[in-house]
Structures are given as C-alpha cells and as structure tokens.
Amino acid sequence: MKPINTQTIKTLALAALLSATAVAGAEAHVSFLDKQAAQESTILATLQVPHGCDGKATTEVRVKLPEGFVFAKPQPKAGWELDVVKGDYQKTYDNHGDKVKAGAIEIRWKNGNLSDDFYDTFVIQGKVSGVEAGILLAFPVTQMCGDAVQAWDQVAGGGGDAHDLKSPAPLLKIVAGDGHEHDHDDMAGMDMTGMTAAAPAGEPVKAGDLEISGAFAKAMLPGQPVGGGFFTVKNDGRMDDRLVSVSSPASGEVQIHEMVTKDNVMRMRQLKDGIVIAAGETIKLEPGNLHLMFQKVKTPFRQGETVPVTLTFEKAGKVDLVLQVLSAQGK
C-alpha cells in the first residue's frame, strides 16, 4: 500500500474543513426544526435561531404568518415580552364548526437577550388549513439585535433553490395528509383567544377573607415546556390583599401574566409586582386575560390530571391549591 504524503493529508484536511463550513453555512439562517407539515394538521412550528446579527445579541424576533397557517398561538418565553398582531384572513376557515375570518397574522417576541454565543427556538402552534400538498409556506422573519436588523424574507421564484439565497425565509413544505384532521386542540397549550373560562373545578378554598374557586389548567402538547393556569379570587374583607407569587412542584417557575389587546395587537407581560385583590372585589384569572404561566414544565399537563400550586398572598399568607387539568377548549 502506497503511503500518503504530508501534502495529501493537508489537502484532505482542508477539503473536510471546507465541507463542514459549507454544511454549517447552509443551516446558518433561521429555519424550521421540522420542515414538513401535513395538510389539515395542527403543529408546533419550531423556528431555530442559530446566531445573532454580526456578533450582536438577538433582542427581538418577528414572524409573519402566511395564509393557510391559522389559529396561531405562540409559546411564551421566559424573559421575553410577547405581541400577537391580529388581522383578517384572505379566506374563511372552520374551527370546530365556527367560521373564522380573522386571527394572528404576526408574532413578535420582544425585549429579550439571546447572546450570539447561544442557540434558541421560538415556537408557534397553528393549523395548516386549505393548502395543497407540495406547496411551500414561507414565514418571513425579522431578527433584531438592538439597532442591527437581519431580514430572513427571501423566497426563490420559479422553483429555484433556496440555498442560493442570501437571506431565505423559513419554509414549511406541505405534504398530503391521510384524509383525517390531525387537530390536537384538545391537547393544546395556552388558549389566547379570550374564550370564556371553564366551570369551577373542585371546591372553593378559604384563606382569611379570600375565597379561591374555579381552579383549572389547560392540557399541553407533548414536549411543550409552558402551560397556563386559571382561578377566581374573591376578597370579602375590608382591606386589599395582593397575590405576590406562585410556585408549583410541576414546573421550574410559575409567573403571573397579563394579556391586553389594543389596536389589534395582543401583548403579554409578566406582573412582577403581583395582582391586587381590592376589598370587596373579585379577580378572575382566565384565558386571554390574567393567568398563571408555568415555565419549564417537567411533564406536560394531561387532561384529567391535577396540578398542585402554592399561592402566596401579602396578608392571607400561603394557600395550597389544586388545579384540575381540562382540555384546551375548557370543556
């Protein structure tokens, strides 16, 4: 066997390095973790953000949703604010018998800090509806890093190769379904449509002048790390109280959040100072409004199970509460 000389070894090493660089470069843009989705299926569209903007940390990610990706619900991220821009669809879509003509058309994760040294994902639950097999749905993304902006919005025309583009938009290829809807809404996570809260689950709990009732959580998709919890607090006393914190062995952290819609933009933010329950008043934590946000959930909540939480009030102290896990529809 003829020995390989030093120059050949160097050439092979260089070729391997160039090949690895080419592969890395091909996936250096914002893209989907799963690049295919079946017709009429509800999916978790998971965007991968592999780097910042020329070394700067990512502070905002905006995603425009294409026609045919409907009933979208973004997954909140710890440390980020969340805006959901709503608008009209071009067509009317069926949602469990309801005709829906409008919904989320853009998602914005804002005021975060994702270092260029790290990688993260941004998840949107939605349904692929009314889209033919073989179609590529483009999700234009704007990645903002302080004053630096990177737009991932180019789409190859005429069947061209997206790899030839400098800033390709993330694409989902729609493939043929099996003739049945794969609609996982009964297992879905937080409902952001502002529907009416479910009937009380379990007996009311008394804590001083407070009465807590109607406690429930929403079922989650497998692998989904964020869940939502809801209940009602009535203050029969003469003094205000405040819910200052919540904890649960079912998740790494529980935050108190508020959702407000203004000018067709729904904003969610953490209430770090808690919630005031004024004397003689009743406060409802319900979908589309005030709610608990379970971060880093250890095991996704399943319908029929329960979630224990400990509420800490300024005056009433610590209160143990059990949330019954209901379907995403709150039925």
C-alpha atoms as a PDB file:
ATOM      1  CA  MET A   1       0.000   0.000   0.000  1.00  0.00           C
ATOM      2  CA  LYS A   2       1.423   3.349  -1.050  1.00  0.00           C
ATOM      3  CA  PRO A   3       1.897   5.749   1.906  1.00  0.00           C
ATOM      4  CA  ILE A   4       0.017   9.066   1.890  1.00  0.00           C
ATOM      5  CA  ASN A   5       2.348  12.042   1.869  1.00  0.00           C
ATOM      6  CA  THR A   6       2.075  15.095   4.089  1.00  0.00           C
ATOM      7  CA  GLN A   7       0.713  17.331   1.335  1.00  0.00           C
ATOM      8  CA  THR A   8      -2.119  14.884   0.635  1.00  0.00           C
ATOM      9  CA  ILE A   9      -3.064  14.833   4.315  1.00  0.00           C
ATOM     10  CA  LYS A  10      -3.164  18.641   4.364  1.00  0.00           C
ATOM     11  CA  THR A  11      -5.310  18.688   1.216  1.00  0.00           C
ATOM     12  CA  LEU A  12      -7.778  16.166   2.672  1.00  0.00           C
ATOM     13  CA  ALA A  13      -7.994  18.119   5.947  1.00  0.00           C
ATOM     14  CA  LEU A  14      -8.665  21.352   4.053  1.00  0.00           C
ATOM     15  CA  ALA A  15     -11.371  19.671   1.987  1.00  0.00           C
ATOM     16  CA  ALA A  16     -13.035  18.336   5.124  1.00  0.00           C
ATOM     17  CA  LEU A  17     -12.926  21.783   6.726  1.00  0.00           C
ATOM     18  CA  LEU A  18     -14.462  23.427   3.653  1.00  0.00           C
ATOM     19  CA  SER A  19     -17.166  20.769   3.510  1.00  0.00           C
ATOM     20  CA  ALA A  20     -18.032  21.243   7.180  1.00  0.00           C
ATOM     21  CA  THR A  21     -18.109  25.007   6.692  1.00  0.00           C
ATOM     22  CA  ALA A  22     -20.445  24.637   3.724  1.00  0.00           C
ATOM     23  CA  VAL A  23     -22.823  22.440   5.731  1.00  0.00           C
ATOM     24  CA  ALA A  24     -22.792  24.840   8.679  1.00  0.00           C
ATOM     25  CA  GLY A  25     -23.369  27.762   6.335  1.00  0.00           C
ATOM     26  CA  ALA A  26     -26.363  26.032   4.792  1.00  0.00           C
ATOM     27  CA  GLU A  27     -28.051  25.940   8.202  1.00  0.00           C
ATOM     28  CA  ALA A  28     -26.731  29.282   9.429  1.00  0.00           C
ATOM     29  CA  HIS A  29     -30.031  31.023   8.685  1.00  0.00           C
ATOM     30  CA  VAL A  30     -33.277  30.980  10.643  1.00  0.00           C
ATOM     31  CA  SER A  31     -35.115  27.782   9.714  1.00  0.00           C
ATOM     32  CA  PHE A  32     -37.717  25.309  10.951  1.00  0.00           C
ATOM     33  CA  LEU A  33     -36.720  22.303  13.039  1.00  0.00           C
ATOM     34  CA  ASP A  34     -39.319  20.212  11.177  1.00  0.00           C
ATOM     35  CA  LYS A  35     -39.540  21.362   7.583  1.00  0.00           C
ATOM     36  CA  GLN A  36     -42.703  19.448   6.630  1.00  0.00           C
ATOM     37  CA  ALA A  37     -46.311  19.564   7.810  1.00  0.00           C
ATOM     38  CA  ALA A  38     -49.348  17.522   6.799  1.00  0.00           C
ATOM     39  CA  GLN A  39     -52.478  19.061   5.339  1.00  0.00           C
ATOM     40  CA  GLU A  40     -55.194  19.955   7.850  1.00  0.00           C
ATOM     41  CA  SER A  41     -52.926  19.264  10.825  1.00  0.00           C
ATOM     42  CA  THR A  42     -52.246  21.259  13.975  1.00  0.00           C
ATOM     43  CA  ILE A  43     -48.494  21.521  14.510  1.00  0.00           C
ATOM     44  CA  LEU A  44     -45.797  23.129  16.628  1.00  0.00           C
ATOM     45  CA  ALA A  45     -43.839  25.190  14.113  1.00  0.00           C
ATOM     46  CA  THR A  46     -40.411  25.475  15.767  1.00  0.00           C
ATOM     47  CA  LEU A  47     -38.090  28.193  14.453  1.00  0.00           C
ATOM     48  CA  GLN A  48     -34.371  27.805  15.072  1.00  0.00           C
ATOM     49  CA  VAL A  49     -32.360  30.985  15.629  1.00  0.00           C
ATOM     50  CA  PRO A  50     -28.692  29.865  15.445  1.00  0.00           C
ATOM     51  CA  HIS A  51     -26.876  33.181  15.907  1.00  0.00           C
ATOM     52  CA  GLY A  52     -27.186  36.916  16.397  1.00  0.00           C
ATOM     53  CA  CYS A  53     -26.561  39.780  13.951  1.00  0.00           C
ATOM     54  CA  ASP A  54     -22.845  40.117  13.209  1.00  0.00           C
ATOM     55  CA  GLY A  55     -21.987  39.040  16.739  1.00  0.00           C
ATOM     56  CA  LYS A  56     -24.686  41.104  18.462  1.00  0.00           C
ATOM     57  CA  ALA A  57     -27.278  39.505  20.749  1.00  0.00           C
ATOM     58  CA  THR A  58     -30.793  38.949  19.391  1.00  0.00           C
ATOM     59  CA  THR A  59     -33.323  41.167  21.188  1.00  0.00           C
ATOM     60  CA  GLU A  60     -36.444  40.656  19.055  1.00  0.00           C
ATOM     61  CA  VAL A  61     -37.823  38.054  16.637  1.00  0.00           C
ATOM     62  CA  ARG A  62     -40.779  38.882  14.382  1.00  0.00           C
ATOM     63  CA  VAL A  63     -42.553  36.221  12.322  1.00  0.00           C
ATOM     64  CA  LYS A  64     -45.162  36.958   9.633  1.00  0.00           C
ATOM     65  CA  LEU A  65     -47.650  34.118   9.275  1.00  0.00           C
ATOM     66  CA  PRO A  66     -48.691  33.046   5.770  1.00  0.00           C
ATOM     67  CA  GLU A  67     -52.265  32.485   4.609  1.00  0.00           C
ATOM     68  CA  GLY A  68     -53.145  28.872   5.350  1.00  0.00           C
ATOM     69  CA  PHE A  69     -51.416  28.813   8.756  1.00  0.00           C
ATOM     70  CA  VAL A  70     -54.282  29.753  11.056  1.00  0.00           C
ATOM     71  CA  PHE A  71     -55.476  29.807  14.690  1.00  0.00           C
ATOM     72  CA  ALA A  72     -51.873  30.547  15.705  1.00  0.00           C
ATOM     73  CA  LYS A  73     -50.818  30.586  19.366  1.00  0.00           C
ATOM     74  CA  PRO A  74     -47.195  31.463  20.179  1.00  0.00           C
ATOM     75  CA  GLN A  75     -45.318  29.810  23.015  1.00  0.00           C
ATOM     76  CA  PRO A  76     -44.220  32.437  25.565  1.00  0.00           C
ATOM     77  CA  LYS A  77     -40.546  32.553  26.514  1.00  0.00           C
ATOM     78  CA  ALA A  78     -39.155  33.433  29.922  1.00  0.00           C
ATOM     79  CA  GLY A  79     -37.513  36.858  29.843  1.00  0.00           C
ATOM     80  CA  TRP A  80     -39.258  37.942  26.613  1.00  0.00           C
ATOM     81  CA  GLU A  81     -42.361  40.068  26.063  1.00  0.00           C
ATOM     82  CA  LEU A  82     -44.885  38.768  23.552  1.00  0.00           C
ATOM     83  CA  ASP A  83     -47.024  40.620  20.995  1.00  0.00           C
ATOM     84  CA  VAL A  84     -49.600  38.956  18.756  1.00  0.00           C
ATOM     85  CA  VAL A  85     -50.711  41.110  15.817  1.00  0.00           C
ATOM     86  CA  LYS A  86     -54.210  40.247  14.610  1.00  0.00           C
ATOM     87  CA  GLY A  87     -55.803  40.857  11.245  1.00  0.00           C
ATOM     88  CA  ASP A  88     -58.152  39.476   8.591  1.00  0.00           C
ATOM     89  CA  TYR A  89     -57.536  36.213   6.772  1.00  0.00           C
ATOM     90  CA  GLN A  90     -57.970  36.175   2.996  1.00  0.00           C
ATOM     91  CA  LYS A  91     -60.354  33.211   3.358  1.00  0.00           C
ATOM     92  CA  THR A  92     -62.749  31.876   5.975  1.00  0.00           C
ATOM     93  CA  TYR A  93     -61.647  28.838   7.999  1.00  0.00           C
ATOM     94  CA  ASP A  94     -63.596  26.295  10.012  1.00  0.00           C
ATOM     95  CA  ASN A  95     -62.681  25.988  13.690  1.00  0.00           C
ATOM     96  CA  HIS A  96     -64.810  23.221  15.233  1.00  0.00           C
ATOM     97  CA  GLY A  97     -67.903  24.476  13.419  1.00  0.00           C
ATOM     98  CA  ASP A  98     -67.185  28.188  13.876  1.00  0.00           C
ATOM     99  CA  LYS A  99     -66.422  30.249  10.774  1.00  0.00           C
ATOM    100  CA  VAL A 100     -63.281  32.271  11.479  1.00  0.00           C
ATOM    101  CA  LYS A 101     -62.259  35.204   9.276  1.00  0.00           C
ATOM    102  CA  ALA A 102     -59.500  36.767  11.384  1.00  0.00           C
ATOM    103  CA  GLY A 103     -56.693  35.810  13.731  1.00  0.00           C
ATOM    104  CA  ALA A 104     -52.982  36.140  14.407  1.00  0.00           C
ATOM    105  CA  ILE A 105     -51.017  37.303  11.358  1.00  0.00           C
ATOM    106  CA  GLU A 106     -47.703  38.197  13.036  1.00  0.00           C
ATOM    107  CA  ILE A 107     -45.907  37.102  16.212  1.00  0.00           C
ATOM    108  CA  ARG A 108     -43.273  39.205  17.988  1.00  0.00           C
ATOM    109  CA  TRP A 109     -41.011  38.091  20.835  1.00  0.00           C
ATOM    110  CA  LYS A 110     -39.540  41.342  22.198  1.00  0.00           C
ATOM    111  CA  ASN A 111     -37.050  42.781  24.692  1.00  0.00           C
ATOM    112  CA  GLY A 112     -35.149  39.535  25.171  1.00  0.00           C
ATOM    113  CA  ASN A 113     -31.425  38.857  25.108  1.00  0.00           C
ATOM    114  CA  LEU A 114     -30.145  35.848  23.153  1.00  0.00           C
ATOM    115  CA  SER A 115     -26.346  36.010  23.017  1.00  0.00           C
ATOM    116  CA  ASP A 116     -24.627  35.323  19.722  1.00  0.00           C
ATOM    117  CA  ASP A 117     -22.866  32.502  21.577  1.00  0.00           C
ATOM    118  CA  PHE A 118     -26.127  30.597  22.037  1.00  0.00           C
ATOM    119  CA  TYR A 119     -28.899  28.985  20.030  1.00  0.00           C
ATOM    120  CA  ASP A 120     -32.618  29.008  20.822  1.00  0.00           C
ATOM    121  CA  THR A 121     -36.018  28.114  19.374  1.00  0.00           C
ATOM    122  CA  PHE A 122     -39.258  30.059  19.048  1.00  0.00           C
ATOM    123  CA  VAL A 123     -42.456  28.008  18.820  1.00  0.00           C
ATOM    124  CA  ILE A 124     -45.854  28.749  17.266  1.00  0.00           C
ATOM    125  CA  GLN A 125     -48.767  26.348  17.444  1.00  0.00           C
ATOM    126  CA  GLY A 126     -51.075  26.610  14.454  1.00  0.00           C
ATOM    127  CA  LYS A 127     -53.156  24.708  11.934  1.00  0.00           C
ATOM    128  CA  VAL A 128     -52.303  24.130   8.281  1.00  0.00           C
ATOM    129  CA  SER A 129     -55.637  24.531   6.506  1.00  0.00           C
ATOM    130  CA  GLY A 130     -56.765  24.840   2.891  1.00  0.00           C
ATOM    131  CA  VAL A 131     -53.246  24.359   1.496  1.00  0.00           C
ATOM    132  CA  GLU A 132     -52.500  21.937  -1.347  1.00  0.00           C
ATOM    133  CA  ALA A 133     -49.835  19.268  -0.957  1.00  0.00           C
ATOM    134  CA  GLY A 134     -46.493  20.310  -2.417  1.00  0.00           C
ATOM    135  CA  ILE A 135     -46.926  23.991  -1.569  1.00  0.00           C
ATOM    136  CA  LEU A 136     -44.134  25.751   0.333  1.00  0.00           C
ATOM    137  CA  LEU A 137     -45.405  28.136   3.008  1.00  0.00           C
ATOM    138  CA  ALA A 138     -42.952  30.977   3.674  1.00  0.00           C
ATOM    139  CA  PHE A 139     -42.716  32.565   7.133  1.00  0.00           C
ATOM    140  CA  PRO A 140     -40.707  35.824   6.721  1.00  0.00           C
ATOM    141  CA  VAL A 141     -38.678  36.520   9.867  1.00  0.00           C
ATOM    142  CA  THR A 142     -37.101  39.754  11.062  1.00  0.00           C
ATOM    143  CA  GLN A 143     -34.295  39.237  13.574  1.00  0.00           C
ATOM    144  CA  MET A 144     -33.406  42.366  15.525  1.00  0.00           C
ATOM    145  CA  CYS A 145     -30.240  42.869  17.562  1.00  0.00           C
ATOM    146  CA  GLY A 146     -30.552  46.322  19.097  1.00  0.00           C
ATOM    147  CA  ASP A 147     -30.024  48.713  16.181  1.00  0.00           C
ATOM    148  CA  ALA A 148     -28.945  45.896  13.829  1.00  0.00           C
ATOM    149  CA  VAL A 149     -31.591  44.129  11.731  1.00  0.00           C
ATOM    150  CA  GLN A 150     -31.421  40.882   9.750  1.00  0.00           C
ATOM    151  CA  ALA A 151     -34.380  40.057   7.478  1.00  0.00           C
ATOM    152  CA  TRP A 152     -34.918  36.403   6.563  1.00  0.00           C
ATOM    153  CA  ASP A 153     -37.551  37.018   3.905  1.00  0.00           C
ATOM    154  CA  GLN A 154     -36.264  35.925   0.502  1.00  0.00           C
ATOM    155  CA  VAL A 155     -38.238  33.291  -1.416  1.00  0.00           C
ATOM    156  CA  ALA A 156     -36.866  31.561  -4.511  1.00  0.00           C
ATOM    157  CA  GLY A 157     -39.068  32.118  -7.561  1.00  0.00           C
ATOM    158  CA  GLY A 158     -39.913  29.600 -10.240  1.00  0.00           C
ATOM    159  CA  GLY A 159     -38.872  26.600  -8.192  1.00  0.00           C
ATOM    160  CA  GLY A 160     -35.383  27.968  -7.566  1.00  0.00           C
ATOM    161  CA  ASP A 161     -33.088  26.639  -4.853  1.00  0.00           C
ATOM    162  CA  ALA A 162     -33.472  28.444  -1.518  1.00  0.00           C
ATOM    163  CA  HIS A 163     -29.831  27.624  -0.727  1.00  0.00           C
ATOM    164  CA  ASP A 164     -28.821  30.111  -3.424  1.00  0.00           C
ATOM    165  CA  LEU A 165     -30.446  32.941  -1.486  1.00  0.00           C
ATOM    166  CA  LYS A 166     -28.520  35.101   0.959  1.00  0.00           C
ATOM    167  CA  SER A 167     -31.410  35.557   3.427  1.00  0.00           C
ATOM    168  CA  PRO A 168     -34.007  32.840   2.773  1.00  0.00           C
ATOM    169  CA  ALA A 169     -37.318  32.868   4.599  1.00  0.00           C
ATOM    170  CA  PRO A 170     -38.051  29.761   6.702  1.00  0.00           C
ATOM    171  CA  LEU A 171     -40.202  27.336   4.682  1.00  0.00           C
ATOM    172  CA  LEU A 172     -42.698  24.618   5.550  1.00  0.00           C
ATOM    173  CA  LYS A 173     -43.395  22.064   2.840  1.00  0.00           C
ATOM    174  CA  ILE A 174     -46.995  20.866   2.959  1.00  0.00           C
ATOM    175  CA  VAL A 175     -47.409  17.143   2.365  1.00  0.00           C
ATOM    176  CA  ALA A 176     -50.534  15.070   1.787  1.00  0.00           C
ATOM    177  CA  GLY A 177     -52.500  14.111   4.886  1.00  0.00           C
ATOM    178  CA  ASP A 178     -54.203  10.764   5.391  1.00  0.00           C
ATOM    179  CA  GLY A 179     -57.696  12.129   4.910  1.00  0.00           C
ATOM    180  CA  HIS A 180     -58.253  12.856   8.605  1.00  0.00           C
ATOM    181  CA  GLU A 181     -57.662  16.053  10.523  1.00  0.00           C
ATOM    182  CA  HIS A 182     -54.743  15.802  12.928  1.00  0.00           C
ATOM    183  CA  ASP A 183     -56.172  18.510  15.099  1.00  0.00           C
ATOM    184  CA  HIS A 184     -54.650  18.366  18.572  1.00  0.00           C
ATOM    185  CA  ASP A 185     -56.611  21.271  20.026  1.00  0.00           C
ATOM    186  CA  ASP A 186     -57.851  19.061  22.855  1.00  0.00           C
ATOM    187  CA  MET A 187     -54.214  18.716  23.955  1.00  0.00           C
ATOM    188  CA  ALA A 188     -53.107  22.221  23.149  1.00  0.00           C
ATOM    189  CA  GLY A 189     -51.361  24.637  25.482  1.00  0.00           C
ATOM    190  CA  MET A 190     -52.397  28.150  26.400  1.00  0.00           C
ATOM    191  CA  ASP A 191     -55.528  29.420  24.677  1.00  0.00           C
ATOM    192  CA  MET A 192     -55.075  33.037  23.650  1.00  0.00           C
ATOM    193  CA  THR A 193     -58.466  33.620  22.017  1.00  0.00           C
ATOM    194  CA  GLY A 194     -60.139  35.086  25.085  1.00  0.00           C
ATOM    195  CA  MET A 195     -62.815  32.388  25.360  1.00  0.00           C
ATOM    196  CA  THR A 196     -64.978  32.110  28.453  1.00  0.00           C
ATOM    197  CA  ALA A 197     -63.330  30.283  31.346  1.00  0.00           C
ATOM    198  CA  ALA A 198     -64.480  26.791  32.252  1.00  0.00           C
ATOM    199  CA  ALA A 199     -66.842  25.920  35.098  1.00  0.00           C
ATOM    200  CA  PRO A 200     -65.284  25.679  38.572  1.00  0.00           C
ATOM    201  CA  ALA A 201     -63.181  22.547  39.084  1.00  0.00           C
ATOM    202  CA  GLY A 202     -63.094  21.445  42.737  1.00  0.00           C
ATOM    203  CA  GLU A 203     -64.351  23.018  45.927  1.00  0.00           C
ATOM    204  CA  PRO A 204     -63.602  26.660  46.849  1.00  0.00           C
ATOM    205  CA  VAL A 205     -60.647  27.275  49.186  1.00  0.00           C
ATOM    206  CA  LYS A 206     -60.869  29.838  52.008  1.00  0.00           C
ATOM    207  CA  ALA A 207     -57.849  31.834  53.203  1.00  0.00           C
ATOM    208  CA  GLY A 208     -58.694  34.591  55.644  1.00  0.00           C
ATOM    209  CA  ASP A 209     -61.017  36.980  53.830  1.00  0.00           C
ATOM    210  CA  LEU A 210     -60.211  35.409  50.454  1.00  0.00           C
ATOM    211  CA  GLU A 211     -62.140  32.696  48.637  1.00  0.00           C
ATOM    212  CA  ILE A 212     -60.432  30.940  45.709  1.00  0.00           C
ATOM    213  CA  SER A 213     -62.548  28.917  43.287  1.00  0.00           C
ATOM    214  CA  GLY A 214     -62.764  27.566  39.735  1.00  0.00           C
ATOM    215  CA  ALA A 215     -59.114  26.443  39.622  1.00  0.00           C
ATOM    216  CA  PHE A 216     -58.033  24.744  36.381  1.00  0.00           C
ATOM    217  CA  ALA A 217     -55.140  24.361  33.948  1.00  0.00           C
ATOM    218  CA  LYS A 218     -55.021  23.648  30.215  1.00  0.00           C
ATOM    219  CA  ALA A 219     -53.749  20.395  28.728  1.00  0.00           C
ATOM    220  CA  MET A 220     -50.454  20.650  26.815  1.00  0.00           C
ATOM    221  CA  LEU A 221     -48.833  19.103  23.766  1.00  0.00           C
ATOM    222  CA  PRO A 222     -46.088  16.510  24.464  1.00  0.00           C
ATOM    223  CA  GLY A 223     -42.738  18.286  24.798  1.00  0.00           C
ATOM    224  CA  GLN A 224     -44.316  21.707  25.325  1.00  0.00           C
ATOM    225  CA  PRO A 225     -42.493  23.365  28.268  1.00  0.00           C
ATOM    226  CA  VAL A 226     -45.041  26.122  29.008  1.00  0.00           C
ATOM    227  CA  GLY A 227     -48.562  25.803  30.441  1.00  0.00           C
ATOM    228  CA  GLY A 228     -51.349  28.053  31.703  1.00  0.00           C
ATOM    229  CA  GLY A 229     -53.368  28.106  34.948  1.00  0.00           C
ATOM    230  CA  PHE A 230     -56.544  29.940  35.982  1.00  0.00           C
ATOM    231  CA  PHE A 231     -58.787  30.586  39.001  1.00  0.00           C
ATOM    232  CA  THR A 232     -61.014  33.211  40.656  1.00  0.00           C
ATOM    233  CA  VAL A 233     -60.208  35.149  43.865  1.00  0.00           C
ATOM    234  CA  LYS A 234     -62.916  36.945  45.861  1.00  0.00           C
ATOM    235  CA  ASN A 235     -62.000  39.353  48.670  1.00  0.00           C
ATOM    236  CA  ASP A 236     -64.798  39.579  51.255  1.00  0.00           C
ATOM    237  CA  GLY A 237     -62.696  41.655  53.648  1.00  0.00           C
ATOM    238  CA  ARG A 238     -62.313  45.382  54.260  1.00  0.00           C
ATOM    239  CA  MET A 239     -58.629  45.512  53.300  1.00  0.00           C
ATOM    240  CA  ASP A 240     -56.880  44.981  49.978  1.00  0.00           C
ATOM    241  CA  ASP A 241     -54.661  41.930  49.551  1.00  0.00           C
ATOM    242  CA  ARG A 242     -52.114  41.033  46.907  1.00  0.00           C
ATOM    243  CA  LEU A 243     -51.112  37.781  45.202  1.00  0.00           C
ATOM    244  CA  VAL A 244     -47.339  38.198  45.254  1.00  0.00           C
ATOM    245  CA  SER A 245     -46.029  34.845  43.996  1.00  0.00           C
ATOM    246  CA  VAL A 246     -46.934  31.308  42.914  1.00  0.00           C
ATOM    247  CA  SER A 247     -44.909  28.093  42.980  1.00  0.00           C
ATOM    248  CA  SER A 248     -45.514  24.505  41.898  1.00  0.00           C
ATOM    249  CA  PRO A 249     -43.536  21.254  42.002  1.00  0.00           C
ATOM    250  CA  ALA A 250     -44.808  20.625  38.460  1.00  0.00           C
ATOM    251  CA  SER A 251     -42.643  23.370  36.908  1.00  0.00           C
ATOM    252  CA  GLY A 252     -39.378  25.190  37.358  1.00  0.00           C
ATOM    253  CA  GLU A 253     -41.089  28.573  37.749  1.00  0.00           C
ATOM    254  CA  VAL A 254     -44.611  29.997  37.845  1.00  0.00           C
ATOM    255  CA  GLN A 255     -45.114  33.583  36.709  1.00  0.00           C
ATOM    256  CA  ILE A 256     -48.177  35.836  36.899  1.00  0.00           C
ATOM    257  CA  HIS A 257     -49.003  37.269  33.477  1.00  0.00           C
ATOM    258  CA  GLU A 258     -51.403  39.746  31.921  1.00  0.00           C
ATOM    259  CA  MET A 259     -52.663  39.848  28.335  1.00  0.00           C
ATOM    260  CA  VAL A 260     -54.033  43.098  26.881  1.00  0.00           C
ATOM    261  CA  THR A 261     -55.315  43.731  23.334  1.00  0.00           C
ATOM    262  CA  LYS A 262     -55.030  47.219  21.869  1.00  0.00           C
ATOM    263  CA  ASP A 263     -55.224  48.239  18.195  1.00  0.00           C
ATOM    264  CA  ASN A 264     -55.329  44.572  17.114  1.00  0.00           C
ATOM    265  CA  VAL A 265     -52.095  43.801  18.963  1.00  0.00           C
ATOM    266  CA  MET A 266     -52.281  41.431  21.913  1.00  0.00           C
ATOM    267  CA  ARG A 267     -49.460  41.954  24.409  1.00  0.00           C
ATOM    268  CA  MET A 268     -48.452  39.646  27.223  1.00  0.00           C
ATOM    269  CA  ARG A 269     -46.247  40.753  30.084  1.00  0.00           C
ATOM    270  CA  GLN A 270     -45.176  39.427  33.461  1.00  0.00           C
ATOM    271  CA  LEU A 271     -46.649  41.149  36.513  1.00  0.00           C
ATOM    272  CA  LYS A 272     -43.612  41.115  38.757  1.00  0.00           C
ATOM    273  CA  ASP A 273     -45.456  43.046  41.479  1.00  0.00           C
ATOM    274  CA  GLY A 274     -48.295  40.515  41.519  1.00  0.00           C
ATOM    275  CA  ILE A 275     -52.055  41.182  41.448  1.00  0.00           C
ATOM    276  CA  VAL A 276     -54.015  43.371  43.868  1.00  0.00           C
ATOM    277  CA  ILE A 277     -57.339  41.937  45.079  1.00  0.00           C
ATOM    278  CA  ALA A 278     -59.167  45.015  46.311  1.00  0.00           C
ATOM    279  CA  ALA A 279     -61.532  44.830  49.292  1.00  0.00           C
ATOM    280  CA  GLY A 280     -64.956  43.653  48.190  1.00  0.00           C
ATOM    281  CA  GLU A 281     -63.714  42.840  44.665  1.00  0.00           C
ATOM    282  CA  THR A 282     -63.353  39.640  42.628  1.00  0.00           C
ATOM    283  CA  ILE A 283     -60.402  38.974  40.313  1.00  0.00           C
ATOM    284  CA  LYS A 284     -60.582  36.343  37.557  1.00  0.00           C
ATOM    285  CA  LEU A 285     -57.553  34.651  36.069  1.00  0.00           C
ATOM    286  CA  GLU A 286     -58.898  33.408  32.734  1.00  0.00           C
ATOM    287  CA  PRO A 287     -57.776  32.706  29.132  1.00  0.00           C
ATOM    288  CA  GLY A 288     -56.989  35.889  27.239  1.00  0.00           C
ATOM    289  CA  ASN A 289     -56.582  37.942  30.417  1.00  0.00           C
ATOM    290  CA  LEU A 290     -54.746  37.472  33.726  1.00  0.00           C
ATOM    291  CA  HIS A 291     -53.266  33.968  34.075  1.00  0.00           C
ATOM    292  CA  LEU A 292     -50.525  31.840  35.580  1.00  0.00           C
ATOM    293  CA  MET A 293     -47.632  30.882  33.310  1.00  0.00           C
ATOM    294  CA  PHE A 294     -45.913  27.598  34.178  1.00  0.00           C
ATOM    295  CA  GLN A 295     -42.321  27.730  32.865  1.00  0.00           C
ATOM    296  CA  LYS A 296     -40.090  24.670  32.301  1.00  0.00           C
ATOM    297  CA  VAL A 297     -42.899  22.193  32.941  1.00  0.00           C
ATOM    298  CA  LYS A 298     -41.412  18.831  33.930  1.00  0.00           C
ATOM    299  CA  THR A 299     -44.209  16.680  32.447  1.00  0.00           C
ATOM    300  CA  PRO A 300     -46.816  18.148  30.062  1.00  0.00           C
ATOM    301  CA  PHE A 301     -50.213  18.576  31.739  1.00  0.00           C
ATOM    302  CA  ARG A 302     -52.658  15.881  30.640  1.00  0.00           C
ATOM    303  CA  GLN A 303     -56.420  16.182  30.657  1.00  0.00           C
ATOM    304  CA  GLY A 304     -57.922  14.577  33.771  1.00  0.00           C
ATOM    305  CA  GLU A 305     -54.817  15.050  35.916  1.00  0.00           C
ATOM    306  CA  THR A 306     -54.189  17.749  38.545  1.00  0.00           C
ATOM    307  CA  VAL A 307     -51.507  20.385  39.142  1.00  0.00           C
ATOM    308  CA  PRO A 308     -50.654  21.465  42.711  1.00  0.00           C
ATOM    309  CA  VAL A 309     -49.717  25.089  43.329  1.00  0.00           C
ATOM    310  CA  THR A 310     -48.930  27.269  46.328  1.00  0.00           C
ATOM    311  CA  LEU A 311     -50.252  30.829  46.221  1.00  0.00           C
ATOM    312  CA  THR A 312     -48.579  33.430  48.429  1.00  0.00           C
ATOM    313  CA  PHE A 313     -50.663  36.446  49.414  1.00  0.00           C
ATOM    314  CA  GLU A 314     -49.442  39.560  51.188  1.00  0.00           C
ATOM    315  CA  LYS A 315     -51.960  39.235  54.046  1.00  0.00           C
ATOM    316  CA  ALA A 316     -53.627  35.821  53.707  1.00  0.00           C
ATOM    317  CA  GLY A 317     -50.239  34.078  53.502  1.00  0.00           C
ATOM    318  CA  LYS A 318     -49.598  30.762  51.742  1.00  0.00           C
ATOM    319  CA  VAL A 319     -52.510  28.821  50.251  1.00  0.00           C
ATOM    320  CA  ASP A 320     -52.280  25.349  48.687  1.00  0.00           C
ATOM    321  CA  LEU A 321     -54.484  24.900  45.639  1.00  0.00           C
ATOM    322  CA  VAL A 322     -55.086  22.038  43.169  1.00  0.00           C
ATOM    323  CA  LEU A 323     -55.788  22.836  39.511  1.00  0.00           C
ATOM    324  CA  GLN A 324     -57.811  20.310  37.518  1.00  0.00           C
ATOM    325  CA  VAL A 325     -56.362  19.842  34.006  1.00  0.00           C
ATOM    326  CA  LEU A 326     -59.047  20.396  31.370  1.00  0.00           C
ATOM    327  CA  SER A 327     -58.929  20.287  27.574  1.00  0.00           C
ATOM    328  CA  ALA A 328     -57.741  23.343  25.661  1.00  0.00           C
ATOM    329  CA  GLN A 329     -61.370  24.148  24.935  1.00  0.00           C
ATOM    330  CA  GLY A 330     -62.089  24.422  28.671  1.00  0.00           C
ATOM    331  CA  LYS A 331     -64.833  21.793  28.457  1.00  0.00           C
END
